[in-house]
């Protein structure tokens, strides 16, 4: 769904949309499990930066909820994660802050994004917000044993008969020990 600046100049846009699984690509290992209802409002805010300069900002306030599947960081089994979040963001035209003097950013500045070509894709905003809310590293359980580095078996489900892998950095000492024994 495109949130167009021209539409917002006439009136605010009420958002009531459902995003189907697979409609947004979240990257490898992350999958949306059910339809994601999104409700909110987009409106135009004119930012006055002097007597003749007006910057058309888009304010987007919305909420969403959905379940996601992520891969466990140790054993790669699917882990379910539910999100129910809301956001309040401001988007400025790209290049509107060019030439401004450098300054330290505040917390409110981190909630400012940029749009181009006269609009903003709702799906892009949702993708970013979901990725920010999901855990960086998901575990199926705290004591997950992971995968065997030798054969790749899931150590939570079955025992491994592989020999413990040796660290190649110790081979020089192992060679020295074998020479000393002989």
N, C-alpha and C. Protein backbone atom coordinates (compact mmCIF):
# COMPACT_ATOMS: atom_id res chain seq x y z
N UNK A 1 0.85 -1.17 0.00
CA UNK A 1 0.00 0.00 0.00
C UNK A 1 0.89 1.23 0.00
N UNK A 2 0.67 2.11 -0.95
CA UNK A 2 1.45 3.33 -1.04
C UNK A 2 0.71 4.46 -0.32
N UNK A 3 1.41 5.09 0.59
CA UNK A 3 0.88 6.26 1.28
C UNK A 3 1.42 7.46 0.51
N UNK A 4 0.60 8.03 -0.35
CA UNK A 4 1.02 9.10 -1.25
C UNK A 4 0.82 10.47 -0.61
N UNK A 5 1.81 11.32 -0.79
CA UNK A 5 1.77 12.67 -0.25
C UNK A 5 0.58 13.46 -0.84
N UNK A 6 0.30 13.26 -2.11
CA UNK A 6 -0.81 13.98 -2.75
C UNK A 6 -2.15 13.63 -2.11
N UNK A 7 -2.32 12.36 -1.73
CA UNK A 7 -3.56 11.95 -1.06
C UNK A 7 -3.67 12.58 0.33
N UNK A 8 -2.54 12.67 1.01
CA UNK A 8 -2.54 13.23 2.37
C UNK A 8 -2.78 14.74 2.38
N UNK A 9 -2.49 15.41 1.28
CA UNK A 9 -2.74 16.85 1.21
C UNK A 9 -4.23 17.15 1.27
N UNK A 10 -5.05 16.22 0.81
CA UNK A 10 -6.50 16.40 0.85
C UNK A 10 -7.09 16.05 2.22
N UNK A 11 -6.68 14.90 2.76
CA UNK A 11 -7.20 14.45 4.05
C UNK A 11 -6.31 13.34 4.60
N UNK A 12 -6.33 13.14 5.91
CA UNK A 12 -5.57 12.03 6.50
C UNK A 12 -6.09 10.69 5.97
N UNK A 13 -5.23 9.70 5.97
CA UNK A 13 -5.55 8.38 5.45
C UNK A 13 -5.71 7.41 6.62
N UNK A 14 -6.89 6.80 6.71
CA UNK A 14 -7.14 5.77 7.72
C UNK A 14 -6.67 4.44 7.14
N UNK A 15 -5.89 3.71 7.91
CA UNK A 15 -5.33 2.44 7.45
C UNK A 15 -6.02 1.30 8.18
N UNK A 16 -6.57 0.39 7.41
CA UNK A 16 -7.18 -0.83 7.95
C UNK A 16 -6.92 -1.90 6.89
N UNK A 17 -5.78 -2.57 7.04
CA UNK A 17 -5.34 -3.50 6.02
C UNK A 17 -4.83 -4.78 6.69
N UNK A 18 -4.92 -5.87 5.97
CA UNK A 18 -4.38 -7.14 6.45
C UNK A 18 -3.29 -7.59 5.50
N UNK A 19 -2.11 -7.83 6.06
CA UNK A 19 -0.96 -8.27 5.28
C UNK A 19 -0.90 -9.79 5.35
N UNK A 20 -0.97 -10.44 4.22
CA UNK A 20 -0.95 -11.90 4.15
C UNK A 20 0.47 -12.43 4.36
N UNK A 21 0.60 -13.65 4.89
CA UNK A 21 1.93 -14.25 5.00
C UNK A 21 2.59 -14.35 3.63
N UNK A 22 3.86 -14.04 3.57
CA UNK A 22 4.60 -14.09 2.31
C UNK A 22 4.56 -12.79 1.52
N UNK A 23 3.71 -11.86 1.91
CA UNK A 23 3.61 -10.58 1.19
C UNK A 23 4.83 -9.69 1.46
N UNK A 24 5.42 -9.82 2.64
CA UNK A 24 6.61 -9.06 3.00
C UNK A 24 7.75 -10.06 3.23
N UNK A 25 8.90 -9.78 2.62
CA UNK A 25 10.08 -10.63 2.81
C UNK A 25 10.87 -10.09 3.99
N UNK A 26 10.95 -10.87 5.07
CA UNK A 26 11.67 -10.45 6.27
C UNK A 26 13.10 -10.94 6.28
N UNK A 27 13.50 -11.70 5.31
CA UNK A 27 14.85 -12.24 5.26
C UNK A 27 14.85 -13.71 5.62
N UNK A 28 16.02 -14.31 5.55
CA UNK A 28 16.10 -15.76 5.77
C UNK A 28 15.83 -16.12 7.22
N UNK A 29 15.10 -17.18 7.40
CA UNK A 29 14.84 -17.69 8.73
C UNK A 29 13.67 -17.05 9.45
N UNK A 30 13.03 -16.02 8.88
CA UNK A 30 11.90 -15.37 9.53
C UNK A 30 10.68 -15.52 8.63
N UNK A 31 9.60 -16.04 9.21
CA UNK A 31 8.40 -16.31 8.44
C UNK A 31 7.17 -15.83 9.21
N UNK A 32 6.33 -15.06 8.54
CA UNK A 32 5.06 -14.63 9.13
C UNK A 32 4.09 -15.80 9.03
N UNK A 33 3.47 -16.16 10.15
CA UNK A 33 2.64 -17.37 10.18
C UNK A 33 1.17 -17.13 9.84
N UNK A 34 0.60 -16.00 10.22
CA UNK A 34 -0.81 -15.75 9.92
C UNK A 34 -1.00 -14.34 9.39
N UNK A 35 -2.21 -14.05 8.89
CA UNK A 35 -2.47 -12.69 8.41
C UNK A 35 -2.20 -11.66 9.52
N UNK A 36 -1.62 -10.53 9.13
CA UNK A 36 -1.25 -9.49 10.09
C UNK A 36 -2.16 -8.27 9.89
N UNK A 37 -3.12 -8.06 10.80
CA UNK A 37 -3.96 -6.87 10.69
C UNK A 37 -3.16 -5.63 11.08
N UNK A 38 -3.32 -4.57 10.29
CA UNK A 38 -2.64 -3.30 10.53
C UNK A 38 -3.70 -2.21 10.54
N UNK A 39 -3.73 -1.45 11.63
CA UNK A 39 -4.69 -0.36 11.75
C UNK A 39 -3.96 0.88 12.21
N UNK A 40 -4.31 2.01 11.60
CA UNK A 40 -3.66 3.24 12.00
C UNK A 40 -4.10 4.42 11.15
N UNK A 41 -3.24 5.43 11.16
CA UNK A 41 -3.57 6.67 10.47
C UNK A 41 -2.29 7.33 9.97
N UNK A 42 -2.35 7.85 8.75
CA UNK A 42 -1.26 8.62 8.17
C UNK A 42 -1.77 10.02 7.90
N UNK A 43 -0.96 11.00 8.25
CA UNK A 43 -1.39 12.39 8.02
C UNK A 43 -0.19 13.24 7.62
N UNK A 44 -0.49 14.35 6.99
CA UNK A 44 0.53 15.30 6.55
C UNK A 44 0.77 16.32 7.66
N UNK A 45 2.03 16.54 7.95
CA UNK A 45 2.42 17.58 8.90
C UNK A 45 3.36 18.52 8.18
N UNK A 46 3.00 19.79 8.15
CA UNK A 46 3.86 20.77 7.50
C UNK A 46 4.81 21.35 8.53
N UNK A 47 6.10 21.14 8.28
CA UNK A 47 7.14 21.63 9.18
C UNK A 47 7.67 22.95 8.60
N UNK A 48 7.50 24.03 9.35
CA UNK A 48 7.95 25.34 8.90
C UNK A 48 9.38 25.56 9.35
N UNK A 49 10.26 25.80 8.36
CA UNK A 49 11.68 26.02 8.65
C UNK A 49 12.09 27.41 8.18
N UNK A 50 11.36 28.35 8.54
CA UNK A 50 11.63 29.70 8.11
C UNK A 50 10.45 30.25 7.35
N UNK A 51 10.56 31.49 6.88
CA UNK A 51 9.41 32.14 6.26
C UNK A 51 8.96 31.51 4.95
N UNK A 52 9.87 30.88 4.22
CA UNK A 52 9.50 30.37 2.90
C UNK A 52 9.75 28.87 2.70
N UNK A 53 10.24 28.22 3.71
CA UNK A 53 10.54 26.81 3.54
C UNK A 53 9.59 25.96 4.40
N UNK A 54 8.80 25.15 3.71
CA UNK A 54 7.87 24.24 4.38
C UNK A 54 8.24 22.81 3.94
N UNK A 55 8.46 21.95 4.92
CA UNK A 55 8.81 20.55 4.65
C UNK A 55 7.58 19.69 4.91
N UNK A 56 7.11 18.94 3.89
CA UNK A 56 5.93 18.09 4.09
C UNK A 56 6.31 16.75 4.72
N UNK A 57 6.09 16.61 6.01
CA UNK A 57 6.38 15.37 6.73
C UNK A 57 5.14 14.49 6.72
N UNK A 58 5.37 13.18 6.76
CA UNK A 58 4.28 12.21 6.88
C UNK A 58 4.38 11.61 8.28
N UNK A 59 3.29 11.72 9.04
CA UNK A 59 3.25 11.08 10.35
C UNK A 59 2.42 9.82 10.22
N UNK A 60 3.01 8.69 10.62
CA UNK A 60 2.35 7.40 10.53
C UNK A 60 2.25 6.79 11.91
N UNK A 61 1.01 6.65 12.38
CA UNK A 61 0.74 5.99 13.66
C UNK A 61 -0.09 4.75 13.36
N UNK A 62 0.44 3.60 13.79
CA UNK A 62 -0.27 2.35 13.48
C UNK A 62 0.11 1.27 14.47
N UNK A 63 -0.65 0.22 14.44
CA UNK A 63 -0.39 -0.95 15.27
C UNK A 63 -0.60 -2.21 14.45
N UNK A 64 0.05 -3.28 14.85
CA UNK A 64 -0.07 -4.55 14.15
C UNK A 64 0.10 -5.68 15.15
N UNK A 65 -0.34 -6.87 14.76
CA UNK A 65 -0.09 -8.06 15.56
C UNK A 65 -0.03 -9.26 14.64
N UNK A 66 0.90 -10.17 14.97
CA UNK A 66 1.06 -11.39 14.18
C UNK A 66 2.00 -12.34 14.90
N UNK A 67 2.01 -13.59 14.43
CA UNK A 67 2.95 -14.58 14.93
C UNK A 67 4.01 -14.84 13.87
N UNK A 68 5.23 -15.04 14.33
CA UNK A 68 6.35 -15.26 13.43
C UNK A 68 7.11 -16.51 13.83
N UNK A 69 7.76 -17.12 12.88
CA UNK A 69 8.62 -18.26 13.14
C UNK A 69 10.05 -17.85 12.81
N UNK A 70 10.95 -18.08 13.76
CA UNK A 70 12.37 -17.79 13.58
C UNK A 70 13.14 -19.08 13.80
N UNK A 71 14.34 -19.17 13.28
CA UNK A 71 15.17 -20.34 13.52
C UNK A 71 15.93 -20.18 14.82
N UNK A 72 16.00 -21.27 15.59
CA UNK A 72 16.79 -21.27 16.82
C UNK A 72 18.24 -21.02 16.43
N UNK A 73 18.92 -20.20 17.19
CA UNK A 73 20.31 -19.83 16.89
C UNK A 73 21.28 -21.00 17.08
N UNK A 74 20.86 -22.03 17.81
CA UNK A 74 21.76 -23.17 18.08
C UNK A 74 21.42 -24.41 17.25
N UNK A 75 20.13 -24.76 17.18
CA UNK A 75 19.77 -26.03 16.52
C UNK A 75 18.96 -25.84 15.23
N UNK A 76 18.60 -24.63 14.91
CA UNK A 76 17.87 -24.27 13.69
C UNK A 76 16.43 -24.76 13.64
N UNK A 77 15.90 -25.24 14.76
CA UNK A 77 14.49 -25.62 14.83
C UNK A 77 13.64 -24.35 14.87
N UNK A 78 12.41 -24.40 14.35
CA UNK A 78 11.55 -23.20 14.38
C UNK A 78 11.15 -22.80 15.80
N UNK A 79 11.14 -21.50 16.04
CA UNK A 79 10.73 -20.92 17.32
C UNK A 79 9.61 -19.93 17.03
N UNK A 80 8.47 -20.07 17.71
CA UNK A 80 7.34 -19.16 17.51
C UNK A 80 7.53 -17.91 18.37
N UNK A 81 7.18 -16.77 17.79
CA UNK A 81 7.27 -15.51 18.53
C UNK A 81 6.08 -14.64 18.13
N UNK A 82 5.32 -14.19 19.11
CA UNK A 82 4.15 -13.33 18.84
C UNK A 82 4.51 -11.88 19.08
N UNK A 83 4.01 -11.02 18.21
CA UNK A 83 4.22 -9.58 18.35
C UNK A 83 2.87 -8.88 18.36
N UNK A 84 2.75 -7.90 19.21
CA UNK A 84 1.60 -6.99 19.20
C UNK A 84 2.20 -5.63 19.53
N UNK A 85 2.44 -4.83 18.52
CA UNK A 85 3.20 -3.59 18.67
C UNK A 85 2.48 -2.42 18.02
N UNK A 86 2.89 -1.23 18.41
CA UNK A 86 2.42 -0.01 17.76
C UNK A 86 3.61 0.91 17.58
N UNK A 87 3.48 1.86 16.67
CA UNK A 87 4.56 2.81 16.40
C UNK A 87 3.99 4.16 16.01
N UNK A 88 4.78 5.18 16.20
CA UNK A 88 4.44 6.56 15.86
C UNK A 88 5.69 7.15 15.23
N UNK A 89 5.70 7.28 13.90
CA UNK A 89 6.90 7.68 13.18
C UNK A 89 6.65 8.90 12.30
N UNK A 90 7.71 9.64 12.08
CA UNK A 90 7.69 10.79 11.18
C UNK A 90 8.62 10.49 10.01
N UNK A 91 8.16 10.78 8.80
CA UNK A 91 8.97 10.60 7.60
C UNK A 91 9.09 11.93 6.88
N UNK A 92 10.31 12.28 6.52
CA UNK A 92 10.59 13.52 5.79
C UNK A 92 11.00 13.18 4.36
N UNK A 93 10.86 14.15 3.45
CA UNK A 93 11.35 13.91 2.09
C UNK A 93 12.87 13.72 2.13
N UNK A 94 13.35 12.77 1.35
CA UNK A 94 14.78 12.52 1.33
C UNK A 94 15.50 13.77 0.81
N UNK A 95 16.57 14.13 1.45
CA UNK A 95 17.32 15.32 1.07
C UNK A 95 16.89 16.59 1.79
N UNK A 96 15.80 16.52 2.57
CA UNK A 96 15.32 17.74 3.24
C UNK A 96 16.27 18.19 4.36
N UNK A 97 17.06 17.28 4.87
CA UNK A 97 18.02 17.64 5.92
C UNK A 97 19.43 17.84 5.38
N UNK A 98 19.60 17.76 4.07
CA UNK A 98 20.92 17.95 3.48
C UNK A 98 21.37 19.38 3.69
N UNK A 99 22.62 19.53 4.00
CA UNK A 99 23.17 20.87 4.20
C UNK A 99 22.96 21.40 5.60
N UNK A 100 22.25 20.68 6.44
CA UNK A 100 22.05 21.12 7.82
C UNK A 100 23.34 20.89 8.59
N UNK A 101 23.61 21.75 9.55
CA UNK A 101 24.84 21.55 10.34
C UNK A 101 24.76 20.26 11.15
N UNK A 102 25.93 19.66 11.40
CA UNK A 102 25.95 18.43 12.18
C UNK A 102 25.60 18.72 13.62
N UNK A 103 24.85 17.77 14.21
CA UNK A 103 24.50 17.89 15.62
C UNK A 103 24.24 16.49 16.18
N UNK A 104 24.30 16.38 17.48
CA UNK A 104 24.03 15.10 18.13
C UNK A 104 22.54 14.81 18.00
N UNK A 105 22.21 13.55 17.73
CA UNK A 105 20.79 13.21 17.58
C UNK A 105 20.20 12.85 18.94
N UNK A 106 18.93 13.17 19.06
CA UNK A 106 18.21 12.85 20.29
C UNK A 106 17.39 11.58 20.05
N UNK A 107 16.74 11.09 21.09
CA UNK A 107 15.91 9.88 20.97
C UNK A 107 14.78 10.11 19.97
N UNK A 108 14.20 11.29 19.96
CA UNK A 108 13.10 11.56 19.02
C UNK A 108 13.59 11.58 17.57
N UNK A 109 14.87 11.93 17.35
CA UNK A 109 15.41 11.92 15.99
C UNK A 109 15.53 10.51 15.43
N UNK A 110 15.63 9.51 16.29
CA UNK A 110 15.74 8.14 15.81
C UNK A 110 14.43 7.62 15.26
N UNK A 111 13.35 8.32 15.52
CA UNK A 111 12.04 7.93 15.02
C UNK A 111 11.68 8.63 13.72
N UNK A 112 12.65 9.28 13.10
CA UNK A 112 12.43 9.98 11.85
C UNK A 112 13.04 9.17 10.71
N UNK A 113 12.21 8.89 9.71
CA UNK A 113 12.66 8.20 8.51
C UNK A 113 12.53 9.13 7.32
N UNK A 114 12.82 8.62 6.16
CA UNK A 114 12.77 9.44 4.95
C UNK A 114 11.99 8.72 3.86
N UNK A 115 11.29 9.49 3.05
CA UNK A 115 10.56 8.94 1.92
C UNK A 115 11.02 9.62 0.65
N UNK A 116 10.78 8.97 -0.47
CA UNK A 116 11.13 9.55 -1.76
C UNK A 116 10.04 9.27 -2.77
N UNK A 117 10.10 9.92 -3.88
CA UNK A 117 9.13 9.76 -4.97
C UNK A 117 7.70 10.04 -4.53
N UNK A 118 7.53 10.98 -3.60
CA UNK A 118 6.20 11.44 -3.22
C UNK A 118 5.37 10.49 -2.40
N UNK A 119 6.01 9.49 -1.79
CA UNK A 119 5.21 8.57 -0.99
C UNK A 119 6.04 7.59 -0.20
N UNK A 120 5.31 6.75 0.48
CA UNK A 120 5.90 5.83 1.43
C UNK A 120 5.17 4.49 1.32
N UNK A 121 5.90 3.39 1.22
CA UNK A 121 5.29 2.06 1.14
C UNK A 121 5.07 1.53 2.56
N UNK A 122 3.83 1.23 2.89
CA UNK A 122 3.49 0.72 4.21
C UNK A 122 4.23 -0.59 4.50
N UNK A 123 4.37 -1.43 3.51
CA UNK A 123 5.05 -2.72 3.69
C UNK A 123 6.50 -2.53 4.12
N UNK A 124 7.18 -1.52 3.58
CA UNK A 124 8.57 -1.26 3.97
C UNK A 124 8.66 -0.84 5.44
N UNK A 125 7.72 -0.02 5.87
CA UNK A 125 7.70 0.43 7.26
C UNK A 125 7.42 -0.76 8.19
N UNK A 126 6.46 -1.58 7.81
CA UNK A 126 6.12 -2.75 8.63
C UNK A 126 7.29 -3.72 8.72
N UNK A 127 7.96 -3.96 7.62
CA UNK A 127 9.13 -4.85 7.63
C UNK A 127 10.16 -4.36 8.63
N UNK A 128 10.47 -3.09 8.57
CA UNK A 128 11.45 -2.50 9.48
C UNK A 128 11.00 -2.61 10.94
N UNK A 129 9.75 -2.32 11.21
CA UNK A 129 9.25 -2.36 12.58
C UNK A 129 9.23 -3.78 13.14
N UNK A 130 8.85 -4.75 12.33
CA UNK A 130 8.85 -6.14 12.77
C UNK A 130 10.27 -6.59 13.07
N UNK A 131 11.21 -6.28 12.19
CA UNK A 131 12.60 -6.69 12.41
C UNK A 131 13.20 -6.04 13.65
N UNK A 132 12.78 -4.82 13.95
CA UNK A 132 13.27 -4.16 15.16
C UNK A 132 12.70 -4.79 16.43
N UNK A 133 11.51 -5.36 16.34
CA UNK A 133 10.85 -5.93 17.53
C UNK A 133 11.17 -7.40 17.77
N UNK A 134 11.55 -8.12 16.73
CA UNK A 134 11.89 -9.53 16.91
C UNK A 134 13.24 -9.66 17.61
N UNK A 135 13.44 -10.74 18.38
CA UNK A 135 14.74 -10.92 19.03
C UNK A 135 15.83 -11.16 17.99
N UNK A 136 17.01 -10.66 18.27
CA UNK A 136 18.13 -10.84 17.35
C UNK A 136 18.54 -12.31 17.31
N UNK A 137 18.46 -12.95 18.47
CA UNK A 137 18.89 -14.34 18.59
C UNK A 137 17.83 -15.11 19.36
N UNK A 138 17.12 -15.97 18.68
CA UNK A 138 16.07 -16.76 19.32
C UNK A 138 16.59 -18.14 19.69
N UNK A 139 16.14 -18.64 20.83
CA UNK A 139 16.48 -20.00 21.26
C UNK A 139 15.20 -20.79 21.46
N UNK A 140 15.21 -22.07 21.07
CA UNK A 140 14.04 -22.92 21.26
C UNK A 140 13.82 -23.18 22.75
N UNK A 141 14.91 -23.25 23.49
CA UNK A 141 14.87 -23.36 24.95
C UNK A 141 16.25 -22.93 25.47
N UNK A 142 16.32 -22.55 26.72
CA UNK A 142 17.57 -22.01 27.27
C UNK A 142 18.71 -23.02 27.27
N UNK A 143 18.39 -24.30 27.46
CA UNK A 143 19.44 -25.32 27.52
C UNK A 143 19.61 -26.06 26.19
N UNK A 144 19.31 -25.40 25.09
CA UNK A 144 19.44 -26.02 23.77
C UNK A 144 20.91 -26.43 23.56
N UNK A 145 21.11 -27.69 23.12
CA UNK A 145 22.46 -28.23 22.93
C UNK A 145 23.01 -27.92 21.55
N UNK A 146 22.16 -27.53 20.62
CA UNK A 146 22.63 -27.16 19.29
C UNK A 146 22.89 -28.34 18.38
N UNK A 147 23.70 -28.09 17.36
CA UNK A 147 24.04 -29.10 16.36
C UNK A 147 25.47 -29.58 16.59
N UNK A 148 25.71 -30.85 16.27
CA UNK A 148 27.06 -31.38 16.34
C UNK A 148 27.90 -30.72 15.24
N UNK A 149 29.05 -30.17 15.57
CA UNK A 149 29.87 -29.53 14.53
C UNK A 149 30.46 -30.52 13.54
N UNK A 150 30.49 -31.81 13.91
CA UNK A 150 31.06 -32.81 13.02
C UNK A 150 30.06 -33.36 12.02
N UNK A 151 28.92 -33.87 12.53
CA UNK A 151 27.96 -34.53 11.64
C UNK A 151 26.69 -33.71 11.41
N UNK A 152 26.46 -32.68 12.23
CA UNK A 152 25.29 -31.83 12.04
C UNK A 152 24.02 -32.34 12.68
N UNK A 153 24.09 -33.37 13.51
CA UNK A 153 22.89 -33.89 14.17
C UNK A 153 22.42 -32.92 15.24
N UNK A 154 21.10 -32.89 15.42
CA UNK A 154 20.51 -32.07 16.47
C UNK A 154 20.73 -32.80 17.80
N UNK A 155 21.56 -32.25 18.66
CA UNK A 155 21.93 -32.90 19.91
C UNK A 155 20.80 -32.89 20.93
N UNK A 156 19.73 -32.15 20.68
CA UNK A 156 18.56 -32.19 21.55
C UNK A 156 17.73 -33.45 21.30
N UNK A 157 17.83 -34.01 20.11
CA UNK A 157 17.00 -35.15 19.72
C UNK A 157 17.75 -36.48 19.74
N UNK A 158 19.04 -36.46 19.47
CA UNK A 158 19.80 -37.71 19.40
C UNK A 158 21.25 -37.48 19.80
N UNK A 159 21.86 -38.54 20.31
CA UNK A 159 23.26 -38.46 20.70
C UNK A 159 24.14 -38.58 19.46
N UNK A 160 25.30 -38.07 19.58
CA UNK A 160 26.23 -38.07 18.46
C UNK A 160 27.39 -39.02 18.77
N UNK A 161 27.87 -39.75 17.76
CA UNK A 161 28.97 -40.67 17.97
C UNK A 161 30.28 -40.15 17.37
N UNK A 162 30.27 -38.91 16.97
CA UNK A 162 31.47 -38.30 16.41
C UNK A 162 32.53 -38.13 17.49
N UNK A 163 33.78 -38.15 17.07
CA UNK A 163 34.85 -37.81 17.99
C UNK A 163 34.82 -36.31 18.20
N UNK A 164 35.26 -35.90 19.35
CA UNK A 164 35.31 -34.46 19.61
C UNK A 164 36.26 -33.82 18.61
N UNK A 165 35.82 -32.77 17.96
CA UNK A 165 36.69 -32.15 16.96
C UNK A 165 37.91 -31.55 17.65
N UNK A 166 39.04 -31.73 17.02
CA UNK A 166 40.26 -31.15 17.60
C UNK A 166 40.49 -29.78 17.00
N UNK A 167 41.00 -28.92 17.82
CA UNK A 167 41.30 -27.57 17.38
C UNK A 167 42.62 -27.58 16.63
N UNK A 168 42.66 -27.13 15.38
CA UNK A 168 43.90 -27.19 14.59
C UNK A 168 45.05 -26.39 15.21
N UNK A 169 44.74 -25.48 16.10
CA UNK A 169 45.81 -24.70 16.73
C UNK A 169 46.64 -25.54 17.69
N UNK A 170 46.11 -26.71 18.13
CA UNK A 170 46.82 -27.58 19.07
C UNK A 170 47.63 -28.67 18.37
N UNK A 171 47.61 -28.75 17.05
CA UNK A 171 48.31 -29.84 16.34
C UNK A 171 49.81 -29.83 16.58
N UNK A 172 50.40 -28.65 16.67
CA UNK A 172 51.85 -28.58 16.91
C UNK A 172 52.20 -29.19 18.26
N UNK A 173 51.39 -28.95 19.30
CA UNK A 173 51.65 -29.53 20.61
C UNK A 173 51.40 -31.03 20.60
N UNK A 174 50.39 -31.48 19.87
CA UNK A 174 50.10 -32.91 19.78
C UNK A 174 51.26 -33.63 19.10
N UNK A 175 51.81 -33.03 18.05
CA UNK A 175 52.98 -33.61 17.37
C UNK A 175 54.17 -33.68 18.32
N UNK A 176 54.37 -32.66 19.10
CA UNK A 176 55.48 -32.62 20.06
C UNK A 176 55.31 -33.72 21.11
N UNK A 177 54.08 -33.92 21.59
CA UNK A 177 53.81 -34.94 22.59
C UNK A 177 54.07 -36.33 22.02
N UNK A 178 53.66 -36.58 20.78
CA UNK A 178 53.88 -37.89 20.18
C UNK A 178 55.37 -38.15 19.96
N UNK A 179 56.15 -37.14 19.66
CA UNK A 179 57.61 -37.30 19.48
C UNK A 179 58.28 -37.59 20.83
N UNK A 180 57.78 -36.96 21.88
CA UNK A 180 58.37 -37.18 23.20
C UNK A 180 58.11 -38.59 23.71
N UNK A 181 56.95 -39.18 23.35
CA UNK A 181 56.62 -40.52 23.79
C UNK A 181 57.44 -41.56 23.06
N UNK A 182 57.87 -41.28 21.86
CA UNK A 182 58.61 -42.27 21.08
C UNK A 182 60.09 -42.19 21.24
